[in-house]
Amino acid sequence: MSRVLIDHILELPTSERVAIVQEIWESMVEHQEHVEITAAQRDELERRWVDFQQTPDDGESWSDVKKSLRDE
């Protein structure tokens, strides 16, 4: 990716950058077979999943997280 393109993206308002990140993330979810994670990342995800199962009320829904990011 061109440095010029990245510099241009970084000049966008936060809400537009968040929208771009969300589009990128969702495209990765659609093609999960191409996403590789390290053992450390897998361990962290597992730790967070276990923590969530023990205290589910301490978390936030994904829709609430997205809304809070858009409202910044």
PDB file of N, CA and C in Angstrom:
ATOM      1  N   MET A   1       0.851  -1.175   0.000  1.00  0.00           N
ATOM      2  CA  MET A   1       0.000   0.000   0.000  1.00  0.00           C
ATOM      3  C   MET A   1       0.895   1.235   0.000  1.00  0.00           C
ATOM      4  N   SER A   2       0.485   2.201  -0.733  1.00  0.00           N
ATOM      5  CA  SER A   2       1.242   3.439  -0.871  1.00  0.00           C
ATOM      6  C   SER A   2       1.228   4.262   0.410  1.00  0.00           C
ATOM      7  N   ARG A   3       2.376   4.826   0.755  1.00  0.00           N
ATOM      8  CA  ARG A   3       2.474   5.698   1.928  1.00  0.00           C
ATOM      9  C   ARG A   3       1.580   6.920   1.760  1.00  0.00           C
ATOM     10  N   VAL A   4       1.439   7.398   0.513  1.00  0.00           N
ATOM     11  CA  VAL A   4       0.576   8.551   0.238  1.00  0.00           C
ATOM     12  C   VAL A   4      -0.868   8.217   0.603  1.00  0.00           C
ATOM     13  N   LEU A   5      -1.320   7.021   0.236  1.00  0.00           N
ATOM     14  CA  LEU A   5      -2.678   6.604   0.559  1.00  0.00           C
ATOM     15  C   LEU A   5      -2.871   6.527   2.075  1.00  0.00           C
ATOM     16  N   ILE A   6      -1.925   5.948   2.771  1.00  0.00           N
ATOM     17  CA  ILE A   6      -2.024   5.851   4.228  1.00  0.00           C
ATOM     18  C   ILE A   6      -2.049   7.239   4.847  1.00  0.00           C
ATOM     19  N   ASP A   7      -1.174   8.137   4.382  1.00  0.00           N
ATOM     20  CA  ASP A   7      -1.167   9.499   4.918  1.00  0.00           C
ATOM     21  C   ASP A   7      -2.512  10.179   4.689  1.00  0.00           C
ATOM     22  N   HIS A   8      -3.102   9.957   3.529  1.00  0.00           N
ATOM     23  CA  HIS A   8      -4.413  10.535   3.230  1.00  0.00           C
ATOM     24  C   HIS A   8      -5.472   9.979   4.188  1.00  0.00           C
ATOM     25  N   ILE A   9      -5.459   8.681   4.398  1.00  0.00           N
ATOM     26  CA  ILE A   9      -6.426   8.053   5.307  1.00  0.00           C
ATOM     27  C   ILE A   9      -6.270   8.614   6.709  1.00  0.00           C
ATOM     28  N   LEU A  10      -5.038   8.801   7.171  1.00  0.00           N
ATOM     29  CA  LEU A  10      -4.798   9.301   8.520  1.00  0.00           C
ATOM     30  C   LEU A  10      -5.269  10.742   8.705  1.00  0.00           C
ATOM     31  N   GLU A  11      -5.478  11.460   7.618  1.00  0.00           N
ATOM     32  CA  GLU A  11      -5.984  12.835   7.703  1.00  0.00           C
ATOM     33  C   GLU A  11      -7.508  12.886   7.795  1.00  0.00           C
ATOM     34  N   LEU A  12      -8.170  11.762   7.547  1.00  0.00           N
ATOM     35  CA  LEU A  12      -9.630  11.718   7.599  1.00  0.00           C
ATOM     36  C   LEU A  12     -10.119  11.861   9.038  1.00  0.00           C
ATOM     37  N   PRO A  13     -11.351  12.325   9.214  1.00  0.00           N
ATOM     38  CA  PRO A  13     -11.928  12.374  10.562  1.00  0.00           C
ATOM     39  C   PRO A  13     -11.984  10.970  11.176  1.00  0.00           C
ATOM     40  N   THR A  14     -11.960  10.916  12.474  1.00  0.00           N
ATOM     41  CA  THR A  14     -11.957   9.637  13.195  1.00  0.00           C
ATOM     42  C   THR A  14     -13.110   8.738  12.760  1.00  0.00           C
ATOM     43  N   SER A  15     -14.296   9.297  12.623  1.00  0.00           N
ATOM     44  CA  SER A  15     -15.454   8.468  12.267  1.00  0.00           C
ATOM     45  C   SER A  15     -15.265   7.799  10.904  1.00  0.00           C
ATOM     46  N   GLU A  16     -14.638   8.508   9.952  1.00  0.00           N
ATOM     47  CA  GLU A  16     -14.396   7.909   8.639  1.00  0.00           C
ATOM     48  C   GLU A  16     -13.312   6.835   8.715  1.00  0.00           C
ATOM     49  N   ARG A  17     -12.284   7.063   9.534  1.00  0.00           N
ATOM     50  CA  ARG A  17     -11.234   6.044   9.690  1.00  0.00           C
ATOM     51  C   ARG A  17     -11.802   4.796  10.348  1.00  0.00           C
ATOM     52  N   VAL A  18     -12.689   4.980  11.329  1.00  0.00           N
ATOM     53  CA  VAL A  18     -13.323   3.839  11.991  1.00  0.00           C
ATOM     54  C   VAL A  18     -14.152   3.050  10.976  1.00  0.00           C
ATOM     55  N   ALA A  19     -14.870   3.750  10.122  1.00  0.00           N
ATOM     56  CA  ALA A  19     -15.676   3.064   9.099  1.00  0.00           C
ATOM     57  C   ALA A  19     -14.790   2.243   8.172  1.00  0.00           C
ATOM     58  N   ILE A  20     -13.630   2.788   7.801  1.00  0.00           N
ATOM     59  CA  ILE A  20     -12.690   2.055   6.938  1.00  0.00           C
ATOM     60  C   ILE A  20     -12.180   0.808   7.652  1.00  0.00           C
ATOM     61  N   VAL A  21     -11.809   0.961   8.905  1.00  0.00           N
ATOM     62  CA  VAL A  21     -11.322  -0.187   9.687  1.00  0.00           C
ATOM     63  C   VAL A  21     -12.401  -1.249   9.789  1.00  0.00           C
ATOM     64  N   GLN A  22     -13.635  -0.819  10.021  1.00  0.00           N
ATOM     65  CA  GLN A  22     -14.736  -1.772  10.135  1.00  0.00           C
ATOM     66  C   GLN A  22     -14.926  -2.538   8.825  1.00  0.00           C
ATOM     67  N   GLU A  23     -14.854  -1.839   7.702  1.00  0.00           N
ATOM     68  CA  GLU A  23     -14.984  -2.516   6.408  1.00  0.00           C
ATOM     69  C   GLU A  23     -13.869  -3.534   6.209  1.00  0.00           C
ATOM     70  N   ILE A  24     -12.652  -3.141   6.574  1.00  0.00           N
ATOM     71  CA  ILE A  24     -11.518  -4.061   6.442  1.00  0.00           C
ATOM     72  C   ILE A  24     -11.728  -5.281   7.335  1.00  0.00           C
ATOM     73  N   TRP A  25     -12.120  -5.034   8.595  1.00  0.00           N
ATOM     74  CA  TRP A  25     -12.333  -6.126   9.547  1.00  0.00           C
ATOM     75  C   TRP A  25     -13.403  -7.083   9.027  1.00  0.00           C
ATOM     76  N   GLU A  26     -14.525  -6.533   8.559  1.00  0.00           N
ATOM     77  CA  GLU A  26     -15.609  -7.383   8.079  1.00  0.00           C
ATOM     78  C   GLU A  26     -15.185  -8.188   6.849  1.00  0.00           C
ATOM     79  N   SER A  27     -14.319  -7.616   6.004  1.00  0.00           N
ATOM     80  CA  SER A  27     -13.839  -8.376   4.850  1.00  0.00           C
ATOM     81  C   SER A  27     -12.956  -9.534   5.299  1.00  0.00           C
ATOM     82  N   MET A  28     -12.230  -9.340   6.404  1.00  0.00           N
ATOM     83  CA  MET A  28     -11.395 -10.423   6.933  1.00  0.00           C
ATOM     84  C   MET A  28     -12.263 -11.523   7.526  1.00  0.00           C
ATOM     85  N   VAL A  29     -13.342 -11.144   8.191  1.00  0.00           N
ATOM     86  CA  VAL A  29     -14.239 -12.130   8.792  1.00  0.00           C
ATOM     87  C   VAL A  29     -14.870 -12.984   7.704  1.00  0.00           C
ATOM     88  N   GLU A  30     -15.174 -12.372   6.560  1.00  0.00           N
ATOM     89  CA  GLU A  30     -15.763 -13.119   5.452  1.00  0.00           C
ATOM     90  C   GLU A  30     -14.794 -14.152   4.882  1.00  0.00           C
ATOM     91  N   HIS A  31     -13.495 -13.943   5.093  1.00  0.00           N
ATOM     92  CA  HIS A  31     -12.473 -14.844   4.553  1.00  0.00           C
ATOM     93  C   HIS A  31     -11.553 -15.319   5.677  1.00  0.00           C
ATOM     94  N   GLN A  32     -12.155 -15.868   6.733  1.00  0.00           N
ATOM     95  CA  GLN A  32     -11.403 -16.273   7.925  1.00  0.00           C
ATOM     96  C   GLN A  32     -10.322 -17.293   7.636  1.00  0.00           C
ATOM     97  N   GLU A  33     -10.509 -18.079   6.618  1.00  0.00           N
ATOM     98  CA  GLU A  33      -9.518 -19.116   6.327  1.00  0.00           C
ATOM     99  C   GLU A  33      -8.166 -18.523   5.957  1.00  0.00           C
ATOM    100  N   HIS A  34      -8.129 -17.235   5.610  1.00  0.00           N
ATOM    101  CA  HIS A  34      -6.875 -16.579   5.232  1.00  0.00           C
ATOM    102  C   HIS A  34      -6.251 -15.789   6.386  1.00  0.00           C
ATOM    103  N   VAL A  35      -6.913 -15.772   7.539  1.00  0.00           N
ATOM    104  CA  VAL A  35      -6.413 -15.007   8.679  1.00  0.00           C
ATOM    105  C   VAL A  35      -5.652 -15.950   9.605  1.00  0.00           C
ATOM    106  N   GLU A  36      -4.359 -15.672   9.766  1.00  0.00           N
ATOM    107  CA  GLU A  36      -3.540 -16.499  10.646  1.00  0.00           C
ATOM    108  C   GLU A  36      -3.256 -15.717  11.926  1.00  0.00           C
ATOM    109  N   ILE A  37      -3.350 -16.410  13.047  1.00  0.00           N
ATOM    110  CA  ILE A  37      -3.012 -15.774  14.316  1.00  0.00           C
ATOM    111  C   ILE A  37      -1.909 -16.569  14.993  1.00  0.00           C
ATOM    112  N   THR A  38      -1.163 -15.878  15.831  1.00  0.00           N
ATOM    113  CA  THR A  38      -0.062 -16.535  16.534  1.00  0.00           C
ATOM    114  C   THR A  38      -0.605 -17.311  17.725  1.00  0.00           C
ATOM    115  N   ALA A  39       0.232 -18.133  18.303  1.00  0.00           N
ATOM    116  CA  ALA A  39      -0.149 -18.888  19.499  1.00  0.00           C
ATOM    117  C   ALA A  39      -0.473 -17.930  20.641  1.00  0.00           C
ATOM    118  N   ALA A  40       0.298 -16.842  20.756  1.00  0.00           N
ATOM    119  CA  ALA A  40       0.046 -15.852  21.812  1.00  0.00           C
ATOM    120  C   ALA A  40      -1.312 -15.184  21.614  1.00  0.00           C
ATOM    121  N   GLN A  41      -1.655 -14.861  20.372  1.00  0.00           N
ATOM    122  CA  GLN A  41      -2.951 -14.253  20.098  1.00  0.00           C
ATOM    123  C   GLN A  41      -4.083 -15.231  20.402  1.00  0.00           C
ATOM    124  N   ARG A  42      -3.894 -16.490  20.030  1.00  0.00           N
ATOM    125  CA  ARG A  42      -4.896 -17.517  20.308  1.00  0.00           C
ATOM    126  C   ARG A  42      -5.084 -17.682  21.814  1.00  0.00           C
ATOM    127  N   ASP A  43      -3.971 -17.676  22.570  1.00  0.00           N
ATOM    128  CA  ASP A  43      -4.050 -17.785  24.031  1.00  0.00           C
ATOM    129  C   ASP A  43      -4.801 -16.596  24.636  1.00  0.00           C
ATOM    130  N   GLU A  44      -4.538 -15.407  24.109  1.00  0.00           N
ATOM    131  CA  GLU A  44      -5.215 -14.216  24.617  1.00  0.00           C
ATOM    132  C   GLU A  44      -6.706 -14.265  24.315  1.00  0.00           C
ATOM    133  N   LEU A  45      -7.063 -14.697  23.123  1.00  0.00           N
ATOM    134  CA  LEU A  45      -8.478 -14.836  22.788  1.00  0.00           C
ATOM    135  C   LEU A  45      -9.162 -15.851  23.699  1.00  0.00           C
ATOM    136  N   GLU A  46      -8.485 -16.952  23.950  1.00  0.00           N
ATOM    137  CA  GLU A  46      -9.029 -17.973  24.845  1.00  0.00           C
ATOM    138  C   GLU A  46      -9.204 -17.410  26.255  1.00  0.00           C
ATOM    139  N   ARG A  47      -8.198 -16.664  26.743  1.00  0.00           N
ATOM    140  CA  ARG A  47      -8.284 -16.055  28.075  1.00  0.00           C
ATOM    141  C   ARG A  47      -9.470 -15.108  28.159  1.00  0.00           C
ATOM    142  N   ARG A  48      -9.650 -14.292  27.133  1.00  0.00           N
ATOM    143  CA  ARG A  48     -10.765 -13.342  27.123  1.00  0.00           C
ATOM    144  C   ARG A  48     -12.115 -14.063  27.060  1.00  0.00           C
ATOM    145  N   TRP A  49     -12.179 -15.157  26.293  1.00  0.00           N
ATOM    146  CA  TRP A  49     -13.419 -15.922  26.193  1.00  0.00           C
ATOM    147  C   TRP A  49     -13.784 -16.529  27.547  1.00  0.00           C
ATOM    148  N   VAL A  50     -12.810 -17.103  28.226  1.00  0.00           N
ATOM    149  CA  VAL A  50     -13.051 -17.684  29.547  1.00  0.00           C
ATOM    150  C   VAL A  50     -13.501 -16.595  30.523  1.00  0.00           C
ATOM    151  N   ASP A  51     -12.824 -15.439  30.491  1.00  0.00           N
ATOM    152  CA  ASP A  51     -13.190 -14.323  31.360  1.00  0.00           C
ATOM    153  C   ASP A  51     -14.619 -13.869  31.082  1.00  0.00           C
ATOM    154  N   PHE A  52     -14.980 -13.778  29.818  1.00  0.00           N
ATOM    155  CA  PHE A  52     -16.334 -13.373  29.454  1.00  0.00           C
ATOM    156  C   PHE A  52     -17.366 -14.378  29.958  1.00  0.00           C
ATOM    157  N   GLN A  53     -17.073 -15.665  29.825  1.00  0.00           N
ATOM    158  CA  GLN A  53     -18.014 -16.683  30.278  1.00  0.00           C
ATOM    159  C   GLN A  53     -18.234 -16.617  31.783  1.00  0.00           C
ATOM    160  N   GLN A  54     -17.203 -16.208  32.525  1.00  0.00           N
ATOM    161  CA  GLN A  54     -17.314 -16.118  33.982  1.00  0.00           C
ATOM    162  C   GLN A  54     -18.038 -14.852  34.418  1.00  0.00           C
ATOM    163  N   THR A  55     -17.883 -13.765  33.662  1.00  0.00           N
ATOM    164  CA  THR A  55     -18.506 -12.483  34.031  1.00  0.00           C
ATOM    165  C   THR A  55     -19.096 -11.812  32.789  1.00  0.00           C
ATOM    166  N   PRO A  56     -20.143 -12.408  32.194  1.00  0.00           N
ATOM    167  CA  PRO A  56     -20.685 -11.879  30.937  1.00  0.00           C
ATOM    168  C   PRO A  56     -21.254 -10.467  31.045  1.00  0.00           C
ATOM    169  N   ASP A  57     -21.694 -10.069  32.228  1.00  0.00           N
ATOM    170  CA  ASP A  57     -22.280  -8.733  32.382  1.00  0.00           C
ATOM    171  C   ASP A  57     -21.235  -7.632  32.394  1.00  0.00           C
ATOM    172  N   ASP A  58     -19.957  -7.986  32.511  1.00  0.00           N
ATOM    173  CA  ASP A  58     -18.887  -6.983  32.523  1.00  0.00           C
ATOM    174  C   ASP A  58     -18.526  -6.511  31.119  1.00  0.00           C
ATOM    175  N   GLY A  59     -18.974  -7.211  30.102  1.00  0.00           N
ATOM    176  CA  GLY A  59     -18.614  -6.863  28.727  1.00  0.00           C
ATOM    177  C   GLY A  59     -19.614  -5.915  28.087  1.00  0.00           C
ATOM    178  N   GLU A  60     -19.303  -5.506  26.862  1.00  0.00           N
ATOM    179  CA  GLU A  60     -20.193  -4.672  26.073  1.00  0.00           C
ATOM    180  C   GLU A  60     -20.513  -5.399  24.781  1.00  0.00           C
ATOM    181  N   SER A  61     -21.702  -5.180  24.271  1.00  0.00           N
ATOM    182  CA  SER A  61     -22.067  -5.802  22.999  1.00  0.00           C
ATOM    183  C   SER A  61     -21.275  -5.137  21.880  1.00  0.00           C
ATOM    184  N   TRP A  62     -21.074  -5.879  20.793  1.00  0.00           N
ATOM    185  CA  TRP A  62     -20.345  -5.337  19.646  1.00  0.00           C
ATOM    186  C   TRP A  62     -21.081  -4.121  19.087  1.00  0.00           C
ATOM    187  N   SER A  63     -22.402  -4.155  19.075  1.00  0.00           N
ATOM    188  CA  SER A  63     -23.157  -3.008  18.556  1.00  0.00           C
ATOM    189  C   SER A  63     -22.933  -1.772  19.422  1.00  0.00           C
ATOM    190  N   ASP A  64     -22.819  -1.940  20.753  1.00  0.00           N
ATOM    191  CA  ASP A  64     -22.529  -0.803  21.626  1.00  0.00           C
ATOM    192  C   ASP A  64     -21.121  -0.260  21.395  1.00  0.00           C
ATOM    193  N   VAL A  65     -20.175  -1.150  21.180  1.00  0.00           N
ATOM    194  CA  VAL A  65     -18.796  -0.721  20.911  1.00  0.00           C
ATOM    195  C   VAL A  65     -18.748   0.069  19.613  1.00  0.00           C
ATOM    196  N   LYS A  66     -19.390  -0.443  18.557  1.00  0.00           N
ATOM    197  CA  LYS A  66     -19.396   0.260  17.270  1.00  0.00           C
ATOM    198  C   LYS A  66     -20.066   1.629  17.410  1.00  0.00           C
ATOM    199  N   LYS A  67     -21.171   1.691  18.156  1.00  0.00           N
ATOM    200  CA  LYS A  67     -21.870   2.968  18.341  1.00  0.00           C
ATOM    201  C   LYS A  67     -20.984   3.967  19.063  1.00  0.00           C
ATOM    202  N   SER A  68     -20.286   3.532  20.097  1.00  0.00           N
ATOM    203  CA  SER A  68     -19.431   4.453  20.842  1.00  0.00           C
ATOM    204  C   SER A  68     -18.280   4.960  19.974  1.00  0.00           C
ATOM    205  N   LEU A  69     -17.766   4.116  19.076  1.00  0.00           N
ATOM    206  CA  LEU A  69     -16.696   4.545  18.175  1.00  0.00           C
ATOM    207  C   LEU A  69     -17.200   5.566  17.156  1.00  0.00           C
ATOM    208  N   ARG A  70     -18.398   5.370  16.689  1.00  0.00           N
ATOM    209  CA  ARG A  70     -18.980   6.304  15.711  1.00  0.00           C
ATOM    210  C   ARG A  70     -19.308   7.646  16.347  1.00  0.00           C
ATOM    211  N   ASP A  71     -19.620   7.641  17.646  1.00  0.00           N
ATOM    212  CA  ASP A  71     -20.032   8.860  18.334  1.00  0.00           C
ATOM    213  C   ASP A  71     -18.867   9.720  18.800  1.00  0.00           C
ATOM    214  N   GLU A  72     -17.634   9.239  18.608  1.00  0.00           N
ATOM    215  CA  GLU A  72     -16.469  10.021  19.065  1.00  0.00           C
ATOM    216  C   GLU A  72     -16.315  11.288  18.287  1.00  0.00           C
TER     217      GLU A  72
END
